[in-house]
Amino acid sequence: MKFHRFVFLLMTAAAIEAADQPVPPQQNIAVPFRLFNTSNVYTVVKLDTRDGRVWQVQWNFETKLRWEAPINSQPLTNSPEVGRFTLYQTPNIHTFILVDQQSGRLWQVNWAGGDDGARGFFAIPDASAD
């Protein structure tokens, strides 16, 4: 009986923990701009799905701590199309992979923990093209 009570309490605690996790909003993928959550409560990544431009967006209750900074400000295509680009989160909390869903090209997108300019944007070469 004690074992069953223990299992019940353990399952209840797990259910409460799962209920506390935020559910990401459903987003329309056929739009020019999308926001992607990061592991940082105050940071999201904004993507222009037409041409691959990316920004880090910091929100906060204090006005002086709100800002938007480019990670990649250069369009990656001469043929922009809504939904062409998307981001995939990696296990590294500061890194996403940007994908051109038409050409298959890839880029590593690094956002920084603060407004210190430590953001990075790097092409991922296609090793099979050698």
N, C-alpha and C. Protein backbone atom coordinates (compact mmCIF):
# COMPACT_ATOMS: atom_id res chain seq x y z
N MET A 1 0.83 -1.19 0.00
CA MET A 1 0.00 0.00 0.00
C MET A 1 0.87 1.26 0.00
N LYS A 2 1.94 1.23 0.81
CA LYS A 2 2.84 2.40 0.85
C LYS A 2 3.49 2.62 -0.51
N PHE A 3 3.81 1.51 -1.19
CA PHE A 3 4.43 1.62 -2.51
C PHE A 3 3.47 2.31 -3.49
N HIS A 4 2.20 1.92 -3.47
CA HIS A 4 1.20 2.53 -4.37
C HIS A 4 1.03 4.01 -4.07
N ARG A 5 1.04 4.36 -2.81
CA ARG A 5 0.91 5.76 -2.41
C ARG A 5 2.13 6.55 -2.91
N PHE A 6 3.32 5.95 -2.78
CA PHE A 6 4.55 6.59 -3.24
C PHE A 6 4.49 6.83 -4.76
N VAL A 7 4.07 5.80 -5.51
CA VAL A 7 3.97 5.92 -6.96
C VAL A 7 2.96 7.00 -7.34
N PHE A 8 1.82 7.05 -6.65
CA PHE A 8 0.81 8.06 -6.91
C PHE A 8 1.37 9.46 -6.68
N LEU A 9 2.07 9.65 -5.56
CA LEU A 9 2.66 10.96 -5.26
C LEU A 9 3.71 11.34 -6.29
N LEU A 10 4.51 10.37 -6.71
CA LEU A 10 5.54 10.63 -7.71
C LEU A 10 4.91 11.03 -9.05
N MET A 11 3.86 10.34 -9.46
CA MET A 11 3.18 10.67 -10.71
C MET A 11 2.49 12.03 -10.62
N THR A 12 1.93 12.35 -9.47
CA THR A 12 1.29 13.64 -9.28
C THR A 12 2.32 14.76 -9.38
N ALA A 13 3.47 14.58 -8.75
CA ALA A 13 4.53 15.59 -8.81
C ALA A 13 5.02 15.78 -10.25
N ALA A 14 5.15 14.68 -10.99
CA ALA A 14 5.59 14.78 -12.39
C ALA A 14 4.56 15.51 -13.23
N ALA A 15 3.28 15.26 -12.98
CA ALA A 15 2.21 15.94 -13.73
C ALA A 15 2.21 17.43 -13.44
N ILE A 16 2.42 17.80 -12.19
CA ILE A 16 2.46 19.22 -11.81
C ILE A 16 3.66 19.89 -12.47
N GLU A 17 4.80 19.22 -12.48
CA GLU A 17 6.01 19.77 -13.11
C GLU A 17 5.77 19.98 -14.61
N ALA A 18 5.15 19.01 -15.26
CA ALA A 18 4.88 19.12 -16.70
C ALA A 18 3.90 20.25 -16.98
N ALA A 19 2.94 20.45 -16.10
CA ALA A 19 1.95 21.52 -16.29
C ALA A 19 2.58 22.90 -16.15
N ASP A 20 3.69 23.00 -15.42
CA ASP A 20 4.37 24.28 -15.23
C ASP A 20 5.19 24.69 -16.45
N GLN A 21 5.44 23.76 -17.39
CA GLN A 21 6.25 24.07 -18.56
C GLN A 21 5.42 24.88 -19.55
N PRO A 22 5.96 26.00 -20.05
CA PRO A 22 5.19 26.80 -21.01
C PRO A 22 5.03 26.06 -22.33
N VAL A 23 3.88 26.21 -22.93
CA VAL A 23 3.61 25.62 -24.24
C VAL A 23 3.91 26.68 -25.29
N PRO A 24 4.79 26.37 -26.24
CA PRO A 24 5.09 27.37 -27.27
C PRO A 24 3.83 27.68 -28.08
N PRO A 25 3.68 28.93 -28.48
CA PRO A 25 2.49 29.29 -29.26
C PRO A 25 2.52 28.64 -30.64
N GLN A 26 1.35 28.31 -31.16
CA GLN A 26 1.26 27.82 -32.53
C GLN A 26 1.49 29.01 -33.45
N GLN A 27 2.38 28.85 -34.40
CA GLN A 27 2.67 29.94 -35.31
C GLN A 27 2.28 29.56 -36.73
N ASN A 28 1.80 30.54 -37.45
CA ASN A 28 1.52 30.37 -38.87
C ASN A 28 2.87 30.40 -39.57
N ILE A 29 3.21 29.34 -40.30
CA ILE A 29 4.52 29.29 -40.95
C ILE A 29 4.55 30.05 -42.27
N ALA A 30 3.38 30.45 -42.77
CA ALA A 30 3.32 31.17 -44.04
C ALA A 30 3.23 32.67 -43.81
N VAL A 31 4.18 33.19 -43.02
CA VAL A 31 4.22 34.62 -42.71
C VAL A 31 5.64 35.13 -42.90
N PRO A 32 5.81 36.44 -43.14
CA PRO A 32 7.15 36.99 -43.38
C PRO A 32 8.08 36.93 -42.17
N PHE A 33 7.53 37.09 -40.95
CA PHE A 33 8.37 37.11 -39.76
C PHE A 33 7.87 36.10 -38.74
N ARG A 34 8.81 35.41 -38.08
CA ARG A 34 8.48 34.48 -37.00
C ARG A 34 9.41 34.71 -35.83
N LEU A 35 8.92 34.40 -34.64
CA LEU A 35 9.73 34.44 -33.42
C LEU A 35 9.99 33.02 -32.96
N PHE A 36 11.23 32.77 -32.51
CA PHE A 36 11.63 31.46 -32.00
C PHE A 36 12.12 31.63 -30.58
N ASN A 37 11.57 30.82 -29.67
CA ASN A 37 11.97 30.86 -28.27
C ASN A 37 13.39 30.36 -28.10
N THR A 38 14.05 30.88 -27.08
CA THR A 38 15.36 30.38 -26.66
C THR A 38 15.20 29.88 -25.22
N SER A 39 16.26 29.35 -24.67
CA SER A 39 16.22 28.91 -23.27
C SER A 39 16.29 30.08 -22.31
N ASN A 40 16.63 31.26 -22.81
CA ASN A 40 16.70 32.46 -21.99
C ASN A 40 15.29 33.07 -21.93
N VAL A 41 14.80 33.30 -20.74
CA VAL A 41 13.45 33.83 -20.54
C VAL A 41 13.24 35.15 -21.27
N TYR A 42 14.26 35.98 -21.35
CA TYR A 42 14.12 37.33 -21.90
C TYR A 42 14.55 37.47 -23.36
N THR A 43 14.88 36.36 -24.03
CA THR A 43 15.41 36.45 -25.39
C THR A 43 14.62 35.57 -26.35
N VAL A 44 14.28 36.14 -27.50
CA VAL A 44 13.74 35.37 -28.62
C VAL A 44 14.56 35.72 -29.85
N VAL A 45 14.47 34.88 -30.87
CA VAL A 45 15.15 35.13 -32.13
C VAL A 45 14.08 35.40 -33.18
N LYS A 46 14.22 36.51 -33.91
CA LYS A 46 13.27 36.89 -34.96
C LYS A 46 13.87 36.54 -36.32
N LEU A 47 13.08 35.90 -37.16
CA LEU A 47 13.52 35.48 -38.48
C LEU A 47 12.64 36.09 -39.55
N ASP A 48 13.27 36.64 -40.60
CA ASP A 48 12.55 37.01 -41.81
C ASP A 48 12.55 35.76 -42.67
N THR A 49 11.41 35.09 -42.76
CA THR A 49 11.32 33.81 -43.46
C THR A 49 11.49 33.94 -44.97
N ARG A 50 11.45 35.17 -45.49
CA ARG A 50 11.59 35.39 -46.93
C ARG A 50 13.03 35.35 -47.38
N ASP A 51 13.94 35.95 -46.58
CA ASP A 51 15.31 36.12 -47.07
C ASP A 51 16.40 35.71 -46.08
N GLY A 52 16.03 35.19 -44.90
CA GLY A 52 17.03 34.65 -43.96
C GLY A 52 17.67 35.65 -43.02
N ARG A 53 17.20 36.88 -42.99
CA ARG A 53 17.76 37.82 -42.01
C ARG A 53 17.28 37.43 -40.61
N VAL A 54 18.16 37.62 -39.61
CA VAL A 54 17.90 37.15 -38.24
C VAL A 54 18.29 38.23 -37.24
N TRP A 55 17.46 38.39 -36.18
CA TRP A 55 17.73 39.34 -35.11
C TRP A 55 17.57 38.67 -33.75
N GLN A 56 18.32 39.15 -32.79
CA GLN A 56 18.12 38.78 -31.39
C GLN A 56 17.25 39.86 -30.77
N VAL A 57 16.18 39.44 -30.08
CA VAL A 57 15.27 40.38 -29.44
C VAL A 57 15.28 40.12 -27.94
N GLN A 58 15.60 41.17 -27.19
CA GLN A 58 15.60 41.10 -25.73
C GLN A 58 14.40 41.87 -25.23
N TRP A 59 13.55 41.23 -24.44
CA TRP A 59 12.42 41.94 -23.84
C TRP A 59 12.64 42.00 -22.34
N ASN A 60 12.03 42.96 -21.70
CA ASN A 60 12.19 43.12 -20.26
C ASN A 60 11.13 44.09 -19.77
N PHE A 61 10.90 44.08 -18.47
CA PHE A 61 9.96 45.02 -17.87
C PHE A 61 10.56 46.42 -17.81
N GLU A 62 11.88 46.51 -17.83
CA GLU A 62 12.55 47.81 -17.81
C GLU A 62 12.87 48.24 -19.24
N THR A 63 12.44 49.43 -19.59
CA THR A 63 12.61 49.94 -20.96
C THR A 63 14.06 49.90 -21.42
N LYS A 64 15.00 50.27 -20.56
CA LYS A 64 16.41 50.34 -20.97
C LYS A 64 17.01 48.96 -21.25
N LEU A 65 16.32 47.90 -20.85
CA LEU A 65 16.82 46.54 -21.08
C LEU A 65 16.14 45.86 -22.27
N ARG A 66 15.33 46.60 -23.03
CA ARG A 66 14.69 46.07 -24.23
C ARG A 66 15.49 46.50 -25.45
N TRP A 67 15.76 45.57 -26.36
CA TRP A 67 16.48 45.91 -27.57
C TRP A 67 16.36 44.82 -28.62
N GLU A 68 16.71 45.18 -29.83
CA GLU A 68 16.76 44.25 -30.96
C GLU A 68 18.08 44.48 -31.67
N ALA A 69 18.81 43.40 -31.94
CA ALA A 69 20.12 43.53 -32.58
C ALA A 69 20.24 42.51 -33.71
N PRO A 70 20.81 42.92 -34.85
CA PRO A 70 20.93 41.97 -35.97
C PRO A 70 21.97 40.89 -35.68
N ILE A 71 21.63 39.68 -36.08
CA ILE A 71 22.60 38.58 -36.09
C ILE A 71 23.09 38.41 -37.53
N ASN A 72 22.16 38.46 -38.46
CA ASN A 72 22.48 38.50 -39.88
C ASN A 72 21.58 39.54 -40.54
N SER A 73 22.18 40.61 -41.03
CA SER A 73 21.39 41.68 -41.64
C SER A 73 21.41 41.63 -43.17
N GLN A 74 22.10 40.65 -43.74
CA GLN A 74 22.20 40.54 -45.19
C GLN A 74 21.23 39.49 -45.73
N PRO A 75 20.39 39.86 -46.72
CA PRO A 75 19.52 38.85 -47.34
C PRO A 75 20.36 37.71 -47.93
N LEU A 76 19.88 36.48 -47.81
CA LEU A 76 20.63 35.31 -48.26
C LEU A 76 20.15 34.78 -49.61
N THR A 77 19.21 35.49 -50.22
CA THR A 77 18.70 35.08 -51.52
C THR A 77 18.28 36.30 -52.33
N ASN A 78 18.31 36.15 -53.65
CA ASN A 78 17.79 37.18 -54.55
C ASN A 78 16.34 36.87 -54.94
N SER A 79 15.82 35.74 -54.43
CA SER A 79 14.45 35.32 -54.73
C SER A 79 13.68 35.11 -53.43
N PRO A 80 13.37 36.19 -52.71
CA PRO A 80 12.68 36.03 -51.44
C PRO A 80 11.28 35.44 -51.62
N GLU A 81 10.92 34.58 -50.67
CA GLU A 81 9.61 33.94 -50.70
C GLU A 81 9.21 33.62 -49.26
N VAL A 82 7.99 33.97 -48.90
CA VAL A 82 7.51 33.71 -47.54
C VAL A 82 7.64 32.22 -47.22
N GLY A 83 8.24 31.93 -46.06
CA GLY A 83 8.40 30.55 -45.60
C GLY A 83 9.62 29.83 -46.13
N ARG A 84 10.44 30.52 -46.90
CA ARG A 84 11.61 29.87 -47.49
C ARG A 84 12.63 29.46 -46.42
N PHE A 85 12.81 30.29 -45.38
CA PHE A 85 13.80 30.02 -44.34
C PHE A 85 13.12 29.65 -43.03
N THR A 86 13.77 28.78 -42.27
CA THR A 86 13.29 28.47 -40.92
C THR A 86 14.49 28.19 -40.02
N LEU A 87 14.22 28.18 -38.72
CA LEU A 87 15.27 27.93 -37.72
C LEU A 87 14.98 26.64 -36.97
N TYR A 88 16.04 25.92 -36.63
CA TYR A 88 15.96 24.73 -35.79
C TYR A 88 16.84 24.96 -34.57
N GLN A 89 16.28 24.75 -33.39
CA GLN A 89 17.06 24.90 -32.16
C GLN A 89 17.96 23.69 -32.00
N THR A 90 19.14 23.92 -31.45
CA THR A 90 20.09 22.84 -31.18
C THR A 90 20.17 22.63 -29.67
N PRO A 91 20.85 21.58 -29.21
CA PRO A 91 21.01 21.40 -27.76
C PRO A 91 21.83 22.51 -27.09
N ASN A 92 22.65 23.22 -27.88
CA ASN A 92 23.40 24.36 -27.36
C ASN A 92 22.42 25.53 -27.20
N ILE A 93 22.30 26.08 -26.00
CA ILE A 93 21.26 27.08 -25.74
C ILE A 93 21.43 28.36 -26.55
N HIS A 94 22.61 28.63 -27.08
CA HIS A 94 22.84 29.87 -27.83
C HIS A 94 22.89 29.66 -29.34
N THR A 95 22.56 28.46 -29.83
CA THR A 95 22.76 28.16 -31.24
C THR A 95 21.51 27.61 -31.91
N PHE A 96 21.22 28.14 -33.09
CA PHE A 96 20.18 27.62 -33.97
C PHE A 96 20.84 27.28 -35.30
N ILE A 97 20.17 26.45 -36.09
CA ILE A 97 20.58 26.20 -37.47
C ILE A 97 19.52 26.84 -38.36
N LEU A 98 19.97 27.71 -39.27
CA LEU A 98 19.09 28.34 -40.25
C LEU A 98 19.12 27.49 -41.51
N VAL A 99 17.94 27.20 -42.05
CA VAL A 99 17.83 26.35 -43.23
C VAL A 99 17.12 27.10 -44.35
N ASP A 100 17.73 27.10 -45.53
CA ASP A 100 17.05 27.54 -46.74
C ASP A 100 16.33 26.29 -47.24
N GLN A 101 15.02 26.27 -47.09
CA GLN A 101 14.25 25.07 -47.38
C GLN A 101 14.11 24.80 -48.88
N GLN A 102 14.56 25.73 -49.72
CA GLN A 102 14.53 25.49 -51.17
C GLN A 102 15.87 24.95 -51.67
N SER A 103 16.98 25.54 -51.19
CA SER A 103 18.29 25.13 -51.69
C SER A 103 18.97 24.10 -50.79
N GLY A 104 18.55 24.03 -49.52
CA GLY A 104 19.20 23.12 -48.57
C GLY A 104 20.42 23.72 -47.89
N ARG A 105 20.76 24.97 -48.23
CA ARG A 105 21.92 25.61 -47.58
C ARG A 105 21.65 25.78 -46.09
N LEU A 106 22.74 25.75 -45.29
CA LEU A 106 22.64 25.83 -43.83
C LEU A 106 23.58 26.89 -43.28
N TRP A 107 23.17 27.51 -42.16
CA TRP A 107 24.00 28.47 -41.43
C TRP A 107 23.85 28.21 -39.95
N GLN A 108 24.93 28.44 -39.22
CA GLN A 108 24.91 28.40 -37.76
C GLN A 108 24.61 29.81 -37.26
N VAL A 109 23.59 29.93 -36.40
CA VAL A 109 23.17 31.22 -35.86
C VAL A 109 23.42 31.20 -34.36
N ASN A 110 24.30 32.08 -33.87
CA ASN A 110 24.59 32.18 -32.43
C ASN A 110 24.06 33.50 -31.92
N TRP A 111 23.25 33.43 -30.87
CA TRP A 111 22.82 34.66 -30.21
C TRP A 111 23.61 34.76 -28.91
N ALA A 112 23.79 35.97 -28.43
CA ALA A 112 24.60 36.22 -27.24
C ALA A 112 23.73 36.35 -26.01
N GLY A 113 24.33 36.14 -24.84
CA GLY A 113 23.61 36.27 -23.58
C GLY A 113 23.33 37.71 -23.19
N GLY A 114 23.96 38.66 -23.81
CA GLY A 114 23.75 40.08 -23.51
C GLY A 114 24.01 40.90 -24.76
N ASP A 115 23.88 42.19 -24.65
CA ASP A 115 24.11 43.06 -25.81
C ASP A 115 25.60 43.38 -25.90
N ASP A 116 26.42 42.32 -26.01
CA ASP A 116 27.87 42.51 -26.01
C ASP A 116 28.51 42.23 -27.37
N GLY A 117 27.68 42.03 -28.39
CA GLY A 117 28.23 41.82 -29.73
C GLY A 117 28.80 40.44 -29.96
N ALA A 118 28.55 39.47 -29.08
CA ALA A 118 29.09 38.12 -29.23
C ALA A 118 28.21 37.24 -30.11
N ARG A 119 27.35 37.86 -30.90
CA ARG A 119 26.51 37.09 -31.80
C ARG A 119 27.35 36.64 -33.00
N GLY A 120 26.93 35.54 -33.64
CA GLY A 120 27.68 35.06 -34.80
C GLY A 120 26.77 34.41 -35.82
N PHE A 121 27.22 34.44 -37.07
CA PHE A 121 26.46 33.87 -38.17
C PHE A 121 27.47 33.25 -39.12
N PHE A 122 27.38 31.93 -39.33
CA PHE A 122 28.41 31.21 -40.08
C PHE A 122 27.78 30.24 -41.07
N ALA A 123 28.24 30.25 -42.31
CA ALA A 123 27.79 29.27 -43.30
C ALA A 123 28.29 27.89 -42.89
N ILE A 124 27.47 26.88 -43.08
CA ILE A 124 27.87 25.49 -42.85
C ILE A 124 28.11 24.88 -44.24
N PRO A 125 29.36 24.56 -44.55
CA PRO A 125 29.66 24.05 -45.89
C PRO A 125 29.06 22.65 -46.12
N ASP A 126 28.69 22.39 -47.35
CA ASP A 126 28.17 21.09 -47.75
C ASP A 126 29.37 20.19 -48.03
N ALA A 127 29.65 19.25 -47.15
CA ALA A 127 30.82 18.39 -47.28
C ALA A 127 30.72 17.48 -48.51
N SER A 128 29.51 17.20 -48.96
CA SER A 128 29.36 16.32 -50.13
C SER A 128 29.67 17.06 -51.42
N ALA A 129 29.82 18.37 -51.37
CA ALA A 129 30.10 19.15 -52.57
C ALA A 129 31.57 19.12 -52.96
N ASP A 130 32.41 18.50 -52.13
CA ASP A 130 33.86 18.45 -52.43
C ASP A 130 34.19 17.49 -53.56
